Structures are given as C-alpha cells and as structure tokens.
Amino acid sequence: MKNLIIIIFLIIIPSNSFAQNNPKKEKEDSVMKPEKNDDGEWELTVIDTQFDYFMNAVARPISQYSESYLKSRNTMLVTEWNSYFTSGRYRNIVESSIDYDPRENYGIKFEYKLYQVFVYVNWQYKLKMNGLGGADSVR
C-alpha cells in the first residue's frame, strides 16, 4: 500500500508540473507592442535583414500616402494579421500578434512603417493580404 501511494504521488507531481507549461501563455508573450522612444514618438522595430533594403529600394515613398489612408489600411491589416496568428494559419510567417489601437495617434512615420511591414511580408513571402492597396500588393 505504501508503494502504491508513492507511485501515485510520483505520477501526480510530474503531470502537475507539465500542466503549468501553458502554451496559451506562450502565445500571450508573442505580441508586438508599439513603444514610444525617448523623443515621445511611436517606434516600430523590424528584425529582418531584408527589411531595410526593401524600405530603401522597393517601398513607395511616404509622400505617396496620407496618414488617414495608412491608419485605415493598418486597422484592416492588423485585424487580418491577428486572425492569422490566432488561427495558426501561416505560422511560419505570422509568429506574433500585433497590439494596435486605431484610436491612438501614432503619427504618419509609424503608420507608414507598419503598413510597409505588411507590404514587405507580401513582397518577400508572397503572403496575400486583403487590406493592401492595389499598387502595393504583389500580383
């Protein structure tokens, strides 16, 4: 009987430890959140070596967009991106969700860079996104 209690105890402890490794928490931790820099401007950091090349050589200039256009597109694109993340669709490309509040005034530079992230993903990985403007999507 004593051995049976020890065996049950040894089975319960490890299974309880594994239950604490919650994959939901892993998803919660992979959220891209905009942050303000020292100057009080919203900042977006992209960790992809080809993104700088894309911004300098491929992306349309910021002067071709209005802030309201970028904000409306980003609102749609973030929703689409986050739905891909939560569904697990395109998980080799969409590795985190994006915390974006359309009521926040991020400024045109931030809105432009965020929009260009979506254009870049379309250009580099051929991920078609419905919220992209016609001139910015790869056909």
C-alpha atoms as a PDB file:
ATOM      1  CA  MET A   1       0.000   0.000   0.000  1.00  0.00           C
ATOM      2  CA  LYS A   2       2.844   2.364   0.889  1.00  0.00           C
ATOM      3  CA  ASN A   3       4.475   1.693  -2.506  1.00  0.00           C
ATOM      4  CA  LEU A   4       1.181   2.383  -4.282  1.00  0.00           C
ATOM      5  CA  ILE A   5       0.881   5.794  -2.585  1.00  0.00           C
ATOM      6  CA  ILE A   6       4.463   6.658  -3.541  1.00  0.00           C
ATOM      7  CA  ILE A   7       3.837   5.638  -7.174  1.00  0.00           C
ATOM      8  CA  ILE A   8       0.654   7.714  -7.360  1.00  0.00           C
ATOM      9  CA  PHE A   9       2.479  10.656  -5.781  1.00  0.00           C
ATOM     10  CA  LEU A  10       5.302  10.345  -8.338  1.00  0.00           C
ATOM     11  CA  ILE A  11       2.791  10.304 -11.184  1.00  0.00           C
ATOM     12  CA  ILE A  12       0.811  13.318  -9.945  1.00  0.00           C
ATOM     13  CA  ILE A  13       3.792  15.627  -9.328  1.00  0.00           C
ATOM     14  CA  PRO A  14       5.274  15.491 -12.877  1.00  0.00           C
ATOM     15  CA  SER A  15       1.876  15.756 -14.546  1.00  0.00           C
ATOM     16  CA  ASN A  16       1.114  18.790 -12.414  1.00  0.00           C
ATOM     17  CA  SER A  17       4.409  20.368 -13.493  1.00  0.00           C
ATOM     18  CA  PHE A  18       3.610  19.787 -17.168  1.00  0.00           C
ATOM     19  CA  ALA A  19       0.201  21.387 -16.749  1.00  0.00           C
ATOM     20  CA  GLN A  20       1.928  24.597 -15.692  1.00  0.00           C
ATOM     21  CA  ASN A  21       3.715  24.839 -19.061  1.00  0.00           C
ATOM     22  CA  ASN A  22       0.731  26.501 -20.659  1.00  0.00           C
ATOM     23  CA  PRO A  23       1.015  27.036 -24.440  1.00  0.00           C
ATOM     24  CA  LYS A  24      -1.557  29.829 -24.131  1.00  0.00           C
ATOM     25  CA  LYS A  25       0.975  31.864 -22.126  1.00  0.00           C
ATOM     26  CA  GLU A  26       3.495  31.370 -24.925  1.00  0.00           C
ATOM     27  CA  LYS A  27       1.044  32.950 -27.383  1.00  0.00           C
ATOM     28  CA  GLU A  28       0.352  35.820 -24.996  1.00  0.00           C
ATOM     29  CA  ASP A  29       4.077  36.582 -24.784  1.00  0.00           C
ATOM     30  CA  SER A  30       4.448  36.852 -28.556  1.00  0.00           C
ATOM     31  CA  VAL A  31       2.724  40.184 -29.023  1.00  0.00           C
ATOM     32  CA  MET A  32       4.345  43.083 -30.863  1.00  0.00           C
ATOM     33  CA  LYS A  33       3.564  46.247 -28.946  1.00  0.00           C
ATOM     34  CA  PRO A  34       4.351  49.732 -30.189  1.00  0.00           C
ATOM     35  CA  GLU A  35       6.539  51.717 -27.813  1.00  0.00           C
ATOM     36  CA  LYS A  36       7.485  55.358 -27.549  1.00  0.00           C
ATOM     37  CA  ASN A  37      11.111  56.337 -27.961  1.00  0.00           C
ATOM     38  CA  ASP A  38      12.953  58.994 -25.919  1.00  0.00           C
ATOM     39  CA  ASP A  39      11.534  61.741 -28.139  1.00  0.00           C
ATOM     40  CA  GLY A  40       7.961  60.615 -27.413  1.00  0.00           C
ATOM     41  CA  GLU A  41       7.410  59.258 -30.933  1.00  0.00           C
ATOM     42  CA  TRP A  42       5.978  55.802 -31.538  1.00  0.00           C
ATOM     43  CA  GLU A  43       8.587  53.324 -32.683  1.00  0.00           C
ATOM     44  CA  LEU A  44       8.415  50.025 -34.537  1.00  0.00           C
ATOM     45  CA  THR A  45      11.420  47.713 -34.690  1.00  0.00           C
ATOM     46  CA  VAL A  46      11.605  45.174 -37.507  1.00  0.00           C
ATOM     47  CA  ILE A  47      14.117  42.373 -37.103  1.00  0.00           C
ATOM     48  CA  ASP A  48      14.577  41.191 -40.666  1.00  0.00           C
ATOM     49  CA  THR A  49      17.787  41.856 -42.544  1.00  0.00           C
ATOM     50  CA  GLN A  50      15.996  42.412 -45.863  1.00  0.00           C
ATOM     51  CA  PHE A  51      13.520  44.966 -44.485  1.00  0.00           C
ATOM     52  CA  ASP A  52      15.972  47.889 -44.654  1.00  0.00           C
ATOM     53  CA  TYR A  53      16.766  47.031 -48.268  1.00  0.00           C
ATOM     54  CA  PHE A  54      13.048  46.864 -49.001  1.00  0.00           C
ATOM     55  CA  MET A  55      12.407  50.267 -47.387  1.00  0.00           C
ATOM     56  CA  ASN A  56      15.240  51.919 -49.345  1.00  0.00           C
ATOM     57  CA  ALA A  57      14.866  50.252 -52.737  1.00  0.00           C
ATOM     58  CA  VAL A  58      11.349  48.855 -53.154  1.00  0.00           C
ATOM     59  CA  ALA A  59       8.845  50.630 -50.902  1.00  0.00           C
ATOM     60  CA  ARG A  60       6.893  53.583 -52.248  1.00  0.00           C
ATOM     61  CA  PRO A  61       7.881  56.865 -50.552  1.00  0.00           C
ATOM     62  CA  ILE A  62       5.965  58.138 -47.531  1.00  0.00           C
ATOM     63  CA  SER A  63       4.839  61.197 -49.525  1.00  0.00           C
ATOM     64  CA  GLN A  64       2.518  58.976 -51.602  1.00  0.00           C
ATOM     65  CA  TYR A  65       0.328  58.199 -48.587  1.00  0.00           C
ATOM     66  CA  SER A  66      -1.869  60.199 -46.261  1.00  0.00           C
ATOM     67  CA  GLU A  67      -1.961  59.389 -42.565  1.00  0.00           C
ATOM     68  CA  SER A  68      -5.703  58.652 -42.679  1.00  0.00           C
ATOM     69  CA  TYR A  69      -5.196  56.215 -45.579  1.00  0.00           C
ATOM     70  CA  LEU A  70      -2.427  54.406 -43.697  1.00  0.00           C
ATOM     71  CA  LYS A  71      -4.433  54.275 -40.463  1.00  0.00           C
ATOM     72  CA  SER A  72      -7.493  52.775 -42.182  1.00  0.00           C
ATOM     73  CA  ARG A  73      -5.359  50.207 -44.033  1.00  0.00           C
ATOM     74  CA  ASN A  74      -3.371  49.328 -40.903  1.00  0.00           C
ATOM     75  CA  THR A  75      -6.593  48.777 -38.963  1.00  0.00           C
ATOM     76  CA  MET A  76      -7.744  46.219 -41.547  1.00  0.00           C
ATOM     77  CA  LEU A  77      -4.311  44.639 -41.949  1.00  0.00           C
ATOM     78  CA  VAL A  78      -3.698  44.253 -38.207  1.00  0.00           C
ATOM     79  CA  THR A  79      -7.089  42.560 -37.847  1.00  0.00           C
ATOM     80  CA  GLU A  80      -6.253  40.214 -40.713  1.00  0.00           C
ATOM     81  CA  TRP A  81      -2.741  39.544 -39.321  1.00  0.00           C
ATOM     82  CA  ASN A  82      -4.047  38.809 -35.816  1.00  0.00           C
ATOM     83  CA  SER A  83      -6.676  36.436 -37.213  1.00  0.00           C
ATOM     84  CA  TYR A  84      -3.884  34.532 -38.996  1.00  0.00           C
ATOM     85  CA  PHE A  85      -1.954  34.395 -35.722  1.00  0.00           C
ATOM     86  CA  THR A  86      -4.825  33.140 -33.567  1.00  0.00           C
ATOM     87  CA  SER A  87      -5.893  30.558 -36.147  1.00  0.00           C
ATOM     88  CA  GLY A  88      -2.327  29.306 -36.651  1.00  0.00           C
ATOM     89  CA  ARG A  89      -2.572  29.983 -40.367  1.00  0.00           C
ATOM     90  CA  TYR A  90       0.768  30.881 -41.997  1.00  0.00           C
ATOM     91  CA  ARG A  91       2.529  30.163 -38.690  1.00  0.00           C
ATOM     92  CA  ASN A  92       5.925  30.088 -40.396  1.00  0.00           C
ATOM     93  CA  ILE A  93       5.401  33.775 -41.319  1.00  0.00           C
ATOM     94  CA  VAL A  94       2.998  35.157 -38.710  1.00  0.00           C
ATOM     95  CA  GLU A  95       4.835  34.478 -35.452  1.00  0.00           C
ATOM     96  CA  SER A  96       3.220  37.089 -33.203  1.00  0.00           C
ATOM     97  CA  SER A  97       0.123  39.192 -32.869  1.00  0.00           C
ATOM     98  CA  ILE A  98       0.169  42.982 -33.112  1.00  0.00           C
ATOM     99  CA  ASP A  99      -1.172  45.228 -30.366  1.00  0.00           C
ATOM    100  CA  TYR A 100      -2.543  48.161 -32.365  1.00  0.00           C
ATOM    101  CA  ASP A 101      -5.175  50.647 -31.208  1.00  0.00           C
ATOM    102  CA  PRO A 102      -6.796  52.526 -34.132  1.00  0.00           C
ATOM    103  CA  ARG A 103      -7.878  55.295 -31.722  1.00  0.00           C
ATOM    104  CA  GLU A 104      -4.250  56.054 -30.818  1.00  0.00           C
ATOM    105  CA  ASN A 105      -2.447  58.798 -32.726  1.00  0.00           C
ATOM    106  CA  TYR A 106       0.784  57.040 -33.703  1.00  0.00           C
ATOM    107  CA  GLY A 107       1.862  59.586 -36.310  1.00  0.00           C
ATOM    108  CA  ILE A 108       2.475  59.175 -40.018  1.00  0.00           C
ATOM    109  CA  LYS A 109       6.005  57.733 -39.676  1.00  0.00           C
ATOM    110  CA  PHE A 110       4.810  54.872 -37.503  1.00  0.00           C
ATOM    111  CA  GLU A 111       1.706  54.243 -39.628  1.00  0.00           C
ATOM    112  CA  TYR A 112       3.877  54.239 -42.769  1.00  0.00           C
ATOM    113  CA  LYS A 113       6.411  51.805 -41.332  1.00  0.00           C
ATOM    114  CA  LEU A 114       3.704  49.452 -40.044  1.00  0.00           C
ATOM    115  CA  TYR A 115       1.983  49.493 -43.425  1.00  0.00           C
ATOM    116  CA  GLN A 116       5.311  48.782 -45.125  1.00  0.00           C
ATOM    117  CA  VAL A 117       5.777  45.750 -42.868  1.00  0.00           C
ATOM    118  CA  PHE A 118       2.635  44.269 -44.412  1.00  0.00           C
ATOM    119  CA  VAL A 119       3.762  45.246 -47.919  1.00  0.00           C
ATOM    120  CA  TYR A 120       7.165  43.682 -47.181  1.00  0.00           C
ATOM    121  CA  VAL A 121       5.616  40.405 -45.998  1.00  0.00           C
ATOM    122  CA  ASN A 122       3.578  40.359 -49.197  1.00  0.00           C
ATOM    123  CA  TRP A 123       6.667  41.124 -51.303  1.00  0.00           C
ATOM    124  CA  GLN A 124       9.138  38.810 -49.536  1.00  0.00           C
ATOM    125  CA  TYR A 125       6.948  35.851 -48.557  1.00  0.00           C
ATOM    126  CA  LYS A 126       4.103  36.231 -51.090  1.00  0.00           C
ATOM    127  CA  LEU A 127       1.523  36.332 -48.277  1.00  0.00           C
ATOM    128  CA  LYS A 128      -1.535  37.862 -49.862  1.00  0.00           C
ATOM    129  CA  MET A 129      -3.310  40.268 -47.539  1.00  0.00           C
ATOM    130  CA  ASN A 130      -6.713  41.659 -48.452  1.00  0.00           C
ATOM    131  CA  GLY A 131      -6.125  45.034 -46.781  1.00  0.00           C
ATOM    132  CA  LEU A 132      -3.218  46.050 -49.037  1.00  0.00           C
ATOM    133  CA  GLY A 133      -3.771  48.747 -51.629  1.00  0.00           C
ATOM    134  CA  GLY A 134      -3.661  47.583 -55.246  1.00  0.00           C
ATOM    135  CA  ALA A 135      -0.362  49.284 -56.052  1.00  0.00           C
ATOM    136  CA  ASP A 136       1.326  47.714 -53.025  1.00  0.00           C
ATOM    137  CA  SER A 137       0.329  44.088 -53.437  1.00  0.00           C
ATOM    138  CA  VAL A 138       2.375  41.556 -55.373  1.00  0.00           C
ATOM    139  CA  ARG A 139       0.365  40.010 -58.160  1.00  0.00           C
END
